[in-house]
Amino acid sequence: TTKPAEVAGAIKALLKEYNSKSKITFDDILDFHVRFESIHPFQDGNGRVGRLIMFKECLKHNIVPFIITEELKMFYYRGIKNWKDERGYLRGTCLSAQDDMKTALDYFGVKY
């Protein structure tokens, strides 16, 4: 968690780095999310805001979005905690959630 006096600068630096990328990948979105969560800019609701940002960024970059369900939350938290050492935990959890979204999109005939 970033000290309150340093939050604005940390968010600004994170956004500058993220927005400087020429092409945003799935892993870029996950990395942004983990770093956003580690800054912890709000007193409450950081996870919800962060997951909403991930959803929006997936849509913006033509990546199928995903929703972290209650069933996946424990795996999601493990993935965030271990991101620096093992990216596969969070990536795998989010890809699983993405598969669930694809199933729903297929059911409704939505192309992706």
PDB file of N, CA and C in Angstrom:
ATOM      1  N   THR A   1       0.840  -1.182   0.000  1.00  0.00           N
ATOM      2  CA  THR A   1       0.000   0.000   0.000  1.00  0.00           C
ATOM      3  C   THR A   1       0.884   1.243   0.000  1.00  0.00           C
ATOM      4  N   THR A   2       0.559   2.161  -0.873  1.00  0.00           N
ATOM      5  CA  THR A   2       1.302   3.406  -1.000  1.00  0.00           C
ATOM      6  C   THR A   2       0.822   4.407   0.049  1.00  0.00           C
ATOM      7  N   LYS A   3       1.741   5.198   0.570  1.00  0.00           N
ATOM      8  CA  LYS A   3       1.377   6.241   1.531  1.00  0.00           C
ATOM      9  C   LYS A   3       0.455   7.244   0.847  1.00  0.00           C
ATOM     10  N   PRO A   4      -0.539   7.756   1.566  1.00  0.00           N
ATOM     11  CA  PRO A   4      -1.506   8.682   0.959  1.00  0.00           C
ATOM     12  C   PRO A   4      -0.868   9.847   0.202  1.00  0.00           C
ATOM     13  N   ALA A   5       0.185  10.411   0.737  1.00  0.00           N
ATOM     14  CA  ALA A   5       0.833  11.555   0.086  1.00  0.00           C
ATOM     15  C   ALA A   5       1.501  11.176  -1.235  1.00  0.00           C
ATOM     16  N   GLU A   6       1.740   9.888  -1.435  1.00  0.00           N
ATOM     17  CA  GLU A   6       2.441   9.427  -2.639  1.00  0.00           C
ATOM     18  C   GLU A   6       1.513   8.799  -3.675  1.00  0.00           C
ATOM     19  N   VAL A   7       0.224   8.672  -3.357  1.00  0.00           N
ATOM     20  CA  VAL A   7      -0.724   7.987  -4.244  1.00  0.00           C
ATOM     21  C   VAL A   7      -0.826   8.676  -5.600  1.00  0.00           C
ATOM     22  N   ALA A   8      -1.014   9.987  -5.623  1.00  0.00           N
ATOM     23  CA  ALA A   8      -1.192  10.705  -6.893  1.00  0.00           C
ATOM     24  C   ALA A   8       0.006  10.503  -7.810  1.00  0.00           C
ATOM     25  N   GLY A   9       1.199  10.614  -7.276  1.00  0.00           N
ATOM     26  CA  GLY A   9       2.404  10.421  -8.078  1.00  0.00           C
ATOM     27  C   GLY A   9       2.542   8.997  -8.576  1.00  0.00           C
ATOM     28  N   ALA A  10       2.205   8.032  -7.726  1.00  0.00           N
ATOM     29  CA  ALA A  10       2.301   6.623  -8.118  1.00  0.00           C
ATOM     30  C   ALA A  10       1.301   6.294  -9.223  1.00  0.00           C
ATOM     31  N   ILE A  11       0.073   6.805  -9.109  1.00  0.00           N
ATOM     32  CA  ILE A  11      -0.942   6.566 -10.147  1.00  0.00           C
ATOM     33  C   ILE A  11      -0.523   7.244 -11.446  1.00  0.00           C
ATOM     34  N   LYS A  12      -0.014   8.455 -11.348  1.00  0.00           N
ATOM     35  CA  LYS A  12       0.428   9.184 -12.542  1.00  0.00           C
ATOM     36  C   LYS A  12       1.543   8.419 -13.257  1.00  0.00           C
ATOM     37  N   ALA A  13       2.509   7.907 -12.505  1.00  0.00           N
ATOM     38  CA  ALA A  13       3.612   7.143 -13.097  1.00  0.00           C
ATOM     39  C   ALA A  13       3.103   5.848 -13.728  1.00  0.00           C
ATOM     40  N   LEU A  14       2.183   5.172 -13.051  1.00  0.00           N
ATOM     41  CA  LEU A  14       1.610   3.932 -13.581  1.00  0.00           C
ATOM     42  C   LEU A  14       0.884   4.201 -14.892  1.00  0.00           C
ATOM     43  N   LEU A  15       0.062   5.242 -14.924  1.00  0.00           N
ATOM     44  CA  LEU A  15      -0.674   5.584 -16.149  1.00  0.00           C
ATOM     45  C   LEU A  15       0.262   5.994 -17.278  1.00  0.00           C
ATOM     46  N   LYS A  16       1.290   6.740 -16.951  1.00  0.00           N
ATOM     47  CA  LYS A  16       2.247   7.176 -17.978  1.00  0.00           C
ATOM     48  C   LYS A  16       2.923   5.967 -18.621  1.00  0.00           C
ATOM     49  N   GLU A  17       3.374   5.036 -17.800  1.00  0.00           N
ATOM     50  CA  GLU A  17       4.034   3.835 -18.332  1.00  0.00           C
ATOM     51  C   GLU A  17       3.060   2.998 -19.164  1.00  0.00           C
ATOM     52  N   TYR A  18       1.875   2.781 -18.635  1.00  0.00           N
ATOM     53  CA  TYR A  18       0.875   1.953 -19.320  1.00  0.00           C
ATOM     54  C   TYR A  18       0.467   2.582 -20.650  1.00  0.00           C
ATOM     55  N   ASN A  19       0.197   3.870 -20.636  1.00  0.00           N
ATOM     56  CA  ASN A  19      -0.258   4.557 -21.849  1.00  0.00           C
ATOM     57  C   ASN A  19       0.839   4.740 -22.890  1.00  0.00           C
ATOM     58  N   SER A  20       2.091   4.525 -22.509  1.00  0.00           N
ATOM     59  CA  SER A  20       3.192   4.652 -23.469  1.00  0.00           C
ATOM     60  C   SER A  20       3.384   3.386 -24.306  1.00  0.00           C
ATOM     61  N   LYS A  21       2.717   2.308 -23.948  1.00  0.00           N
ATOM     62  CA  LYS A  21       2.856   1.050 -24.694  1.00  0.00           C
ATOM     63  C   LYS A  21       2.175   1.179 -26.051  1.00  0.00           C
ATOM     64  N   SER A  22       2.837   0.652 -27.072  1.00  0.00           N
ATOM     65  CA  SER A  22       2.273   0.756 -28.425  1.00  0.00           C
ATOM     66  C   SER A  22       1.120  -0.228 -28.631  1.00  0.00           C
ATOM     67  N   LYS A  23       1.174  -1.368 -27.977  1.00  0.00           N
ATOM     68  CA  LYS A  23       0.101  -2.362 -28.070  1.00  0.00           C
ATOM     69  C   LYS A  23      -0.102  -2.956 -26.686  1.00  0.00           C
ATOM     70  N   ILE A  24      -1.339  -2.939 -26.225  1.00  0.00           N
ATOM     71  CA  ILE A  24      -1.661  -3.463 -24.893  1.00  0.00           C
ATOM     72  C   ILE A  24      -2.055  -4.931 -25.019  1.00  0.00           C
ATOM     73  N   THR A  25      -1.403  -5.778 -24.223  1.00  0.00           N
ATOM     74  CA  THR A  25      -1.685  -7.210 -24.215  1.00  0.00           C
ATOM     75  C   THR A  25      -2.481  -7.585 -22.959  1.00  0.00           C
ATOM     76  N   PHE A  26      -2.942  -8.809 -22.937  1.00  0.00           N
ATOM     77  CA  PHE A  26      -3.645  -9.348 -21.771  1.00  0.00           C
ATOM     78  C   PHE A  26      -2.769  -9.209 -20.526  1.00  0.00           C
ATOM     79  N   ASP A  27      -1.494  -9.585 -20.646  1.00  0.00           N
ATOM     80  CA  ASP A  27      -0.583  -9.487 -19.504  1.00  0.00           C
ATOM     81  C   ASP A  27      -0.349  -8.041 -19.081  1.00  0.00           C
ATOM     82  N   ASP A  28      -0.338  -7.106 -20.030  1.00  0.00           N
ATOM     83  CA  ASP A  28      -0.197  -5.690 -19.670  1.00  0.00           C
ATOM     84  C   ASP A  28      -1.360  -5.249 -18.787  1.00  0.00           C
ATOM     85  N   ILE A  29      -2.561  -5.691 -19.137  1.00  0.00           N
ATOM     86  CA  ILE A  29      -3.751  -5.338 -18.355  1.00  0.00           C
ATOM     87  C   ILE A  29      -3.662  -5.946 -16.961  1.00  0.00           C
ATOM     88  N   LEU A  30      -3.232  -7.202 -16.878  1.00  0.00           N
ATOM     89  CA  LEU A  30      -3.089  -7.848 -15.571  1.00  0.00           C
ATOM     90  C   LEU A  30      -2.019  -7.158 -14.738  1.00  0.00           C
ATOM     91  N   ASP A  31      -0.896  -6.816 -15.366  1.00  0.00           N
ATOM     92  CA  ASP A  31       0.184  -6.141 -14.646  1.00  0.00           C
ATOM     93  C   ASP A  31      -0.280  -4.777 -14.128  1.00  0.00           C
ATOM     94  N   PHE A  32      -0.989  -4.031 -14.971  1.00  0.00           N
ATOM     95  CA  PHE A  32      -1.536  -2.747 -14.536  1.00  0.00           C
ATOM     96  C   PHE A  32      -2.428  -2.951 -13.310  1.00  0.00           C
ATOM     97  N   HIS A  33      -3.269  -3.970 -13.377  1.00  0.00           N
ATOM     98  CA  HIS A  33      -4.200  -4.246 -12.279  1.00  0.00           C
ATOM     99  C   HIS A  33      -3.455  -4.535 -10.974  1.00  0.00           C
ATOM    100  N   VAL A  34      -2.472  -5.399 -11.038  1.00  0.00           N
ATOM    101  CA  VAL A  34      -1.715  -5.754  -9.831  1.00  0.00           C
ATOM    102  C   VAL A  34      -1.034  -4.514  -9.258  1.00  0.00           C
ATOM    103  N   ARG A  35      -0.452  -3.714 -10.121  1.00  0.00           N
ATOM    104  CA  ARG A  35       0.235  -2.507  -9.651  1.00  0.00           C
ATOM    105  C   ARG A  35      -0.755  -1.485  -9.090  1.00  0.00           C
ATOM    106  N   PHE A  36      -1.917  -1.354  -9.734  1.00  0.00           N
ATOM    107  CA  PHE A  36      -2.969  -0.468  -9.227  1.00  0.00           C
ATOM    108  C   PHE A  36      -3.399  -0.916  -7.828  1.00  0.00           C
ATOM    109  N   GLU A  37      -3.615  -2.222  -7.682  1.00  0.00           N
ATOM    110  CA  GLU A  37      -4.039  -2.752  -6.382  1.00  0.00           C
ATOM    111  C   GLU A  37      -2.968  -2.540  -5.320  1.00  0.00           C
ATOM    112  N   SER A  38      -1.699  -2.618  -5.698  1.00  0.00           N
ATOM    113  CA  SER A  38      -0.634  -2.423  -4.709  1.00  0.00           C
ATOM    114  C   SER A  38      -0.531  -0.958  -4.283  1.00  0.00           C
ATOM    115  N   ILE A  39      -0.908  -0.037  -5.160  1.00  0.00           N
ATOM    116  CA  ILE A  39      -0.948   1.380  -4.781  1.00  0.00           C
ATOM    117  C   ILE A  39      -2.082   1.612  -3.790  1.00  0.00           C
ATOM    118  N   HIS A  40      -3.193   0.940  -3.990  1.00  0.00           N
ATOM    119  CA  HIS A  40      -4.351   1.001  -3.081  1.00  0.00           C
ATOM    120  C   HIS A  40      -4.805   2.452  -2.884  1.00  0.00           C
ATOM    121  N   PRO A  41      -5.259   3.092  -3.977  1.00  0.00           N
ATOM    122  CA  PRO A  41      -5.544   4.528  -3.913  1.00  0.00           C
ATOM    123  C   PRO A  41      -6.773   4.937  -3.105  1.00  0.00           C
ATOM    124  N   PHE A  42      -7.676   4.023  -2.836  1.00  0.00           N
ATOM    125  CA  PHE A  42      -8.913   4.365  -2.136  1.00  0.00           C
ATOM    126  C   PHE A  42      -8.978   3.675  -0.781  1.00  0.00           C
ATOM    127  N   GLN A  43      -9.757   4.240   0.109  1.00  0.00           N
ATOM    128  CA  GLN A  43      -9.933   3.626   1.419  1.00  0.00           C
ATOM    129  C   GLN A  43     -10.691   2.306   1.296  1.00  0.00           C
ATOM    130  N   ASP A  44     -11.641   2.251   0.361  1.00  0.00           N
ATOM    131  CA  ASP A  44     -12.448   1.052   0.160  1.00  0.00           C
ATOM    132  C   ASP A  44     -12.796   0.941  -1.322  1.00  0.00           C
ATOM    133  N   GLY A  45     -12.990  -0.267  -1.796  1.00  0.00           N
ATOM    134  CA  GLY A  45     -13.440  -0.482  -3.166  1.00  0.00           C
ATOM    135  C   GLY A  45     -12.341  -0.601  -4.197  1.00  0.00           C
ATOM    136  N   ASN A  46     -11.091  -0.717  -3.774  1.00  0.00           N
ATOM    137  CA  ASN A  46      -9.985  -0.805  -4.724  1.00  0.00           C
ATOM    138  C   ASN A  46     -10.111  -1.998  -5.656  1.00  0.00           C
ATOM    139  N   GLY A  47     -10.486  -3.144  -5.117  1.00  0.00           N
ATOM    140  CA  GLY A  47     -10.621  -4.346  -5.938  1.00  0.00           C
ATOM    141  C   GLY A  47     -11.707  -4.199  -6.986  1.00  0.00           C
ATOM    142  N   ARG A  48     -12.857  -3.686  -6.572  1.00  0.00           N
ATOM    143  CA  ARG A  48     -13.966  -3.498  -7.521  1.00  0.00           C
ATOM    144  C   ARG A  48     -13.588  -2.511  -8.618  1.00  0.00           C
ATOM    145  N   VAL A  49     -12.964  -1.401  -8.228  1.00  0.00           N
ATOM    146  CA  VAL A  49     -12.546  -0.407  -9.224  1.00  0.00           C
ATOM    147  C   VAL A  49     -11.500  -1.012 -10.148  1.00  0.00           C
ATOM    148  N   GLY A  50     -10.547  -1.725  -9.587  1.00  0.00           N
ATOM    149  CA  GLY A  50      -9.500  -2.339 -10.394  1.00  0.00           C
ATOM    150  C   GLY A  50     -10.039  -3.362 -11.376  1.00  0.00           C
ATOM    151  N   ARG A  51     -10.986  -4.171 -10.936  1.00  0.00           N
ATOM    152  CA  ARG A  51     -11.567  -5.172 -11.839  1.00  0.00           C
ATOM    153  C   ARG A  51     -12.413  -4.508 -12.918  1.00  0.00           C
ATOM    154  N   LEU A  52     -13.065  -3.416 -12.582  1.00  0.00           N
ATOM    155  CA  LEU A  52     -13.825  -2.662 -13.581  1.00  0.00           C
ATOM    156  C   LEU A  52     -12.888  -2.057 -14.626  1.00  0.00           C
ATOM    157  N   ILE A  53     -11.742  -1.550 -14.182  1.00  0.00           N
ATOM    158  CA  ILE A  53     -10.745  -1.020 -15.122  1.00  0.00           C
ATOM    159  C   ILE A  53     -10.262  -2.134 -16.042  1.00  0.00           C
ATOM    160  N   MET A  54      -9.992  -3.319 -15.488  1.00  0.00           N
ATOM    161  CA  MET A  54      -9.562  -4.440 -16.341  1.00  0.00           C
ATOM    162  C   MET A  54     -10.617  -4.754 -17.387  1.00  0.00           C
ATOM    163  N   PHE A  55     -11.880  -4.792 -16.985  1.00  0.00           N
ATOM    164  CA  PHE A  55     -12.978  -5.088 -17.906  1.00  0.00           C
ATOM    165  C   PHE A  55     -13.000  -4.060 -19.036  1.00  0.00           C
ATOM    166  N   LYS A  56     -12.924  -2.785 -18.667  1.00  0.00           N
ATOM    167  CA  LYS A  56     -12.951  -1.708 -19.654  1.00  0.00           C
ATOM    168  C   LYS A  56     -11.742  -1.778 -20.587  1.00  0.00           C
ATOM    169  N   GLU A  57     -10.577  -2.051 -20.053  1.00  0.00           N
ATOM    170  CA  GLU A  57      -9.373  -2.118 -20.876  1.00  0.00           C
ATOM    171  C   GLU A  57      -9.421  -3.308 -21.834  1.00  0.00           C
ATOM    172  N   CYS A  58      -9.981  -4.418 -21.390  1.00  0.00           N
ATOM    173  CA  CYS A  58     -10.158  -5.551 -22.307  1.00  0.00           C
ATOM    174  C   CYS A  58     -11.044  -5.135 -23.479  1.00  0.00           C
ATOM    175  N   LEU A  59     -12.167  -4.494 -23.191  1.00  0.00           N
ATOM    176  CA  LEU A  59     -13.062  -4.045 -24.266  1.00  0.00           C
ATOM    177  C   LEU A  59     -12.351  -3.070 -25.197  1.00  0.00           C
ATOM    178  N   LYS A  60     -11.627  -2.133 -24.626  1.00  0.00           N
ATOM    179  CA  LYS A  60     -10.930  -1.107 -25.411  1.00  0.00           C
ATOM    180  C   LYS A  60      -9.918  -1.724 -26.371  1.00  0.00           C
ATOM    181  N   HIS A  61      -9.285  -2.815 -25.957  1.00  0.00           N
ATOM    182  CA  HIS A  61      -8.210  -3.415 -26.749  1.00  0.00           C
ATOM    183  C   HIS A  61      -8.634  -4.718 -27.426  1.00  0.00           C
ATOM    184  N   ASN A  62      -9.944  -4.879 -27.617  1.00  0.00           N
ATOM    185  CA  ASN A  62     -10.492  -6.037 -28.333  1.00  0.00           C
ATOM    186  C   ASN A  62     -10.063  -7.377 -27.740  1.00  0.00           C
ATOM    187  N   ILE A  63     -10.043  -7.421 -26.434  1.00  0.00           N
ATOM    188  CA  ILE A  63      -9.765  -8.646 -25.690  1.00  0.00           C
ATOM    189  C   ILE A  63     -11.071  -9.018 -24.988  1.00  0.00           C
ATOM    190  N   VAL A  64     -11.440 -10.286 -25.040  1.00  0.00           N
ATOM    191  CA  VAL A  64     -12.671 -10.708 -24.374  1.00  0.00           C
ATOM    192  C   VAL A  64     -12.538 -10.405 -22.876  1.00  0.00           C
ATOM    193  N   PRO A  65     -13.475  -9.628 -22.328  1.00  0.00           N
ATOM    194  CA  PRO A  65     -13.392  -9.293 -20.903  1.00  0.00           C
ATOM    195  C   PRO A  65     -13.786 -10.479 -20.039  1.00  0.00           C
ATOM    196  N   PHE A  66     -13.644 -10.311 -18.752  1.00  0.00           N
ATOM    197  CA  PHE A  66     -13.957 -11.401 -17.826  1.00  0.00           C
ATOM    198  C   PHE A  66     -14.410 -10.832 -16.497  1.00  0.00           C
ATOM    199  N   ILE A  67     -15.107 -11.666 -15.746  1.00  0.00           N
ATOM    200  CA  ILE A  67     -15.594 -11.300 -14.418  1.00  0.00           C
ATOM    201  C   ILE A  67     -15.046 -12.321 -13.427  1.00  0.00           C
ATOM    202  N   ILE A  68     -14.435 -11.821 -12.368  1.00  0.00           N
ATOM    203  CA  ILE A  68     -13.942 -12.702 -11.313  1.00  0.00           C
ATOM    204  C   ILE A  68     -15.122 -13.028 -10.393  1.00  0.00           C
ATOM    205  N   THR A  69     -15.580 -14.262 -10.466  1.00  0.00           N
ATOM    206  CA  THR A  69     -16.719 -14.698  -9.656  1.00  0.00           C
ATOM    207  C   THR A  69     -16.253 -15.077  -8.247  1.00  0.00           C
ATOM    208  N   GLU A  70     -17.215 -15.269  -7.373  1.00  0.00           N
ATOM    209  CA  GLU A  70     -16.898 -15.688  -6.001  1.00  0.00           C
ATOM    210  C   GLU A  70     -16.083 -16.982  -6.005  1.00  0.00           C
ATOM    211  N   GLU A  71     -16.415 -17.882  -6.927  1.00  0.00           N
ATOM    212  CA  GLU A  71     -15.712 -19.164  -6.994  1.00  0.00           C
ATOM    213  C   GLU A  71     -14.235 -18.986  -7.342  1.00  0.00           C
ATOM    214  N   LEU A  72     -13.909 -17.913  -8.041  1.00  0.00           N
ATOM    215  CA  LEU A  72     -12.528 -17.679  -8.473  1.00  0.00           C
ATOM    216  C   LEU A  72     -11.760 -16.728  -7.562  1.00  0.00           C
ATOM    217  N   LYS A  73     -12.436 -16.090  -6.628  1.00  0.00           N
ATOM    218  CA  LYS A  73     -11.797 -15.031  -5.824  1.00  0.00           C
ATOM    219  C   LYS A  73     -10.549 -15.499  -5.087  1.00  0.00           C
ATOM    220  N   MET A  74     -10.590 -16.686  -4.488  1.00  0.00           N
ATOM    221  CA  MET A  74      -9.423 -17.158  -3.745  1.00  0.00           C
ATOM    222  C   MET A  74      -8.220 -17.331  -4.682  1.00  0.00           C
ATOM    223  N   PHE A  75      -8.473 -17.857  -5.884  1.00  0.00           N
ATOM    224  CA  PHE A  75      -7.398 -18.040  -6.863  1.00  0.00           C
ATOM    225  C   PHE A  75      -6.903 -16.681  -7.372  1.00  0.00           C
ATOM    226  N   TYR A  76      -7.837 -15.752  -7.544  1.00  0.00           N
ATOM    227  CA  TYR A  76      -7.508 -14.392  -7.980  1.00  0.00           C
ATOM    228  C   TYR A  76      -6.592 -13.714  -6.954  1.00  0.00           C
ATOM    229  N   TYR A  77      -6.937 -13.809  -5.678  1.00  0.00           N
ATOM    230  CA  TYR A  77      -6.108 -13.198  -4.640  1.00  0.00           C
ATOM    231  C   TYR A  77      -4.727 -13.848  -4.585  1.00  0.00           C
ATOM    232  N   ARG A  78      -4.684 -15.162  -4.748  1.00  0.00           N
ATOM    233  CA  ARG A  78      -3.384 -15.848  -4.786  1.00  0.00           C
ATOM    234  C   ARG A  78      -2.567 -15.334  -5.958  1.00  0.00           C
ATOM    235  N   GLY A  79      -3.219 -15.145  -7.101  1.00  0.00           N
ATOM    236  CA  GLY A  79      -2.524 -14.656  -8.285  1.00  0.00           C
ATOM    237  C   GLY A  79      -1.956 -13.266  -8.107  1.00  0.00           C
ATOM    238  N   ILE A  80      -2.714 -12.394  -7.473  1.00  0.00           N
ATOM    239  CA  ILE A  80      -2.211 -11.040  -7.212  1.00  0.00           C
ATOM    240  C   ILE A  80      -1.018 -11.100  -6.266  1.00  0.00           C
ATOM    241  N   LYS A  81      -1.150 -11.878  -5.220  1.00  0.00           N
ATOM    242  CA  LYS A  81      -0.084 -11.985  -4.213  1.00  0.00           C
ATOM    243  C   LYS A  81       1.219 -12.507  -4.821  1.00  0.00           C
ATOM    244  N   ASN A  82       1.114 -13.433  -5.759  1.00  0.00           N
ATOM    245  CA  ASN A  82       2.303 -14.092  -6.310  1.00  0.00           C
ATOM    246  C   ASN A  82       2.725 -13.575  -7.683  1.00  0.00           C
ATOM    247  N   TRP A  83       2.122 -12.497  -8.178  1.00  0.00           N
ATOM    248  CA  TRP A  83       2.354 -12.008  -9.538  1.00  0.00           C
ATOM    249  C   TRP A  83       3.832 -11.803  -9.857  1.00  0.00           C
ATOM    250  N   LYS A  84       4.588 -11.237  -8.937  1.00  0.00           N
ATOM    251  CA  LYS A  84       6.002 -10.944  -9.216  1.00  0.00           C
ATOM    252  C   LYS A  84       6.806 -12.212  -9.470  1.00  0.00           C
ATOM    253  N   ASP A  85       6.483 -13.288  -8.760  1.00  0.00           N
ATOM    254  CA  ASP A  85       7.248 -14.528  -8.877  1.00  0.00           C
ATOM    255  C   ASP A  85       6.638 -15.542  -9.835  1.00  0.00           C
ATOM    256  N   GLU A  86       5.307 -15.546  -9.943  1.00  0.00           N
ATOM    257  CA  GLU A  86       4.630 -16.542 -10.773  1.00  0.00           C
ATOM    258  C   GLU A  86       3.380 -15.925 -11.387  1.00  0.00           C
ATOM    259  N   ARG A  87       3.519 -15.487 -12.623  1.00  0.00           N
ATOM    260  CA  ARG A  87       2.406 -14.828 -13.303  1.00  0.00           C
ATOM    261  C   ARG A  87       1.311 -15.805 -13.727  1.00  0.00           C
ATOM    262  N   GLY A  88       1.632 -17.069 -13.762  1.00  0.00           N
ATOM    263  CA  GLY A  88       0.687 -18.073 -14.227  1.00  0.00           C
ATOM    264  C   GLY A  88      -0.562 -18.213 -13.369  1.00  0.00           C
ATOM    265  N   TYR A  89      -0.445 -17.952 -12.068  1.00  0.00           N
ATOM    266  CA  TYR A  89      -1.618 -18.085 -11.192  1.00  0.00           C
ATOM    267  C   TYR A  89      -2.712 -17.102 -11.597  1.00  0.00           C
ATOM    268  N   LEU A  90      -2.359 -15.825 -11.681  1.00  0.00           N
ATOM    269  CA  LEU A  90      -3.367 -14.819 -12.024  1.00  0.00           C
ATOM    270  C   LEU A  90      -3.798 -14.965 -13.475  1.00  0.00           C
ATOM    271  N   ARG A  91      -2.837 -15.184 -14.355  1.00  0.00           N
ATOM    272  CA  ARG A  91      -3.165 -15.353 -15.774  1.00  0.00           C
ATOM    273  C   ARG A  91      -4.139 -16.516 -15.956  1.00  0.00           C
ATOM    274  N   GLY A  92      -3.849 -17.641 -15.336  1.00  0.00           N
ATOM    275  CA  GLY A  92      -4.714 -18.813 -15.463  1.00  0.00           C
ATOM    276  C   GLY A  92      -6.110 -18.576 -14.915  1.00  0.00           C
ATOM    277  N   THR A  93      -6.191 -17.902 -13.780  1.00  0.00           N
ATOM    278  CA  THR A  93      -7.495 -17.591 -13.188  1.00  0.00           C
ATOM    279  C   THR A  93      -8.297 -16.688 -14.110  1.00  0.00           C
ATOM    280  N   CYS A  94      -7.644 -15.660 -14.642  1.00  0.00           N
ATOM    281  CA  CYS A  94      -8.345 -14.716 -15.521  1.00  0.00           C
ATOM    282  C   CYS A  94      -8.708 -15.358 -16.856  1.00  0.00           C
ATOM    283  N   LEU A  95      -7.864 -16.232 -17.360  1.00  0.00           N
ATOM    284  CA  LEU A  95      -8.199 -16.940 -18.602  1.00  0.00           C
ATOM    285  C   LEU A  95      -9.382 -17.879 -18.383  1.00  0.00           C
ATOM    286  N   SER A  96      -9.444 -18.488 -17.207  1.00  0.00           N
ATOM    287  CA  SER A  96     -10.592 -19.335 -16.878  1.00  0.00           C
ATOM    288  C   SER A  96     -11.871 -18.499 -16.831  1.00  0.00           C
ATOM    289  N   ALA A  97     -11.787 -17.324 -16.212  1.00  0.00           N
ATOM    290  CA  ALA A  97     -12.944 -16.421 -16.164  1.00  0.00           C
ATOM    291  C   ALA A  97     -13.310 -15.953 -17.570  1.00  0.00           C
ATOM    292  N   GLN A  98     -12.299 -15.761 -18.393  1.00  0.00           N
ATOM    293  CA  GLN A  98     -12.541 -15.355 -19.785  1.00  0.00           C
ATOM    294  C   GLN A  98     -13.250 -16.478 -20.546  1.00  0.00           C
ATOM    295  N   ASP A  99     -12.877 -17.717 -20.287  1.00  0.00           N
ATOM    296  CA  ASP A  99     -13.569 -18.852 -20.914  1.00  0.00           C
ATOM    297  C   ASP A  99     -15.045 -18.875 -20.524  1.00  0.00           C
ATOM    298  N   ASP A 100     -15.328 -18.557 -19.260  1.00  0.00           N
ATOM    299  CA  ASP A 100     -16.725 -18.479 -18.819  1.00  0.00           C
ATOM    300  C   ASP A 100     -17.471 -17.392 -19.587  1.00  0.00           C
ATOM    301  N   MET A 101     -16.821 -16.264 -19.798  1.00  0.00           N
ATOM    302  CA  MET A 101     -17.449 -15.176 -20.555  1.00  0.00           C
ATOM    303  C   MET A 101     -17.682 -15.611 -22.002  1.00  0.00           C
ATOM    304  N   LYS A 102     -16.724 -16.312 -22.588  1.00  0.00           N
ATOM    305  CA  LYS A 102     -16.887 -16.785 -23.968  1.00  0.00           C
ATOM    306  C   LYS A 102     -18.071 -17.748 -24.076  1.00  0.00           C
ATOM    307  N   THR A 103     -18.250 -18.591 -23.071  1.00  0.00           N
ATOM    308  CA  THR A 103     -19.397 -19.499 -23.058  1.00  0.00           C
ATOM    309  C   THR A 103     -20.700 -18.705 -23.068  1.00  0.00           C
ATOM    310  N   ALA A 104     -20.772 -17.668 -22.263  1.00  0.00           N
ATOM    311  CA  ALA A 104     -21.977 -16.821 -22.229  1.00  0.00           C
ATOM    312  C   ALA A 104     -22.167 -16.091 -23.551  1.00  0.00           C
ATOM    313  N   LEU A 105     -21.088 -15.584 -24.120  1.00  0.00           N
ATOM    314  CA  LEU A 105     -21.182 -14.886 -25.409  1.00  0.00           C
ATOM    315  C   LEU A 105     -21.643 -15.839 -26.504  1.00  0.00           C
ATOM    316  N   ASP A 106     -21.109 -17.061 -26.492  1.00  0.00           N
ATOM    317  CA  ASP A 106     -21.529 -18.066 -27.474  1.00  0.00           C
ATOM    318  C   ASP A 106     -23.021 -18.373 -27.330  1.00  0.00           C
ATOM    319  N   TYR A 107     -23.478 -18.510 -26.114  1.00  0.00           N
ATOM    320  CA  TYR A 107     -24.883 -18.819 -25.852  1.00  0.00           C
ATOM    321  C   TYR A 107     -25.802 -17.761 -26.464  1.00  0.00           C
ATOM    322  N   PHE A 108     -25.390 -16.506 -26.357  1.00  0.00           N
ATOM    323  CA  PHE A 108     -26.207 -15.411 -26.881  1.00  0.00           C
ATOM    324  C   PHE A 108     -25.853 -15.032 -28.317  1.00  0.00           C
ATOM    325  N   GLY A 109     -24.929 -15.776 -28.925  1.00  0.00           N
ATOM    326  CA  GLY A 109     -24.573 -15.534 -30.315  1.00  0.00           C
ATOM    327  C   GLY A 109     -23.780 -14.261 -30.542  1.00  0.00           C
ATOM    328  N   VAL A 110     -23.046 -13.828 -29.529  1.00  0.00           N
ATOM    329  CA  VAL A 110     -22.230 -12.618 -29.649  1.00  0.00           C
ATOM    330  C   VAL A 110     -20.853 -13.009 -30.170  1.00  0.00           C
ATOM    331  N   LYS A 111     -20.441 -12.384 -31.255  1.00  0.00           N
ATOM    332  CA  LYS A 111     -19.121 -12.678 -31.833  1.00  0.00           C
ATOM    333  C   LYS A 111     -18.041 -11.932 -31.060  1.00  0.00           C
ATOM    334  N   TYR A 112     -16.901 -12.567 -30.966  1.00  0.00           N
ATOM    335  CA  TYR A 112     -15.766 -11.937 -30.283  1.00  0.00           C
ATOM    336  C   TYR A 112     -14.489 -12.218 -31.030  1.00  0.00           C
TER     337      TYR A 112
END
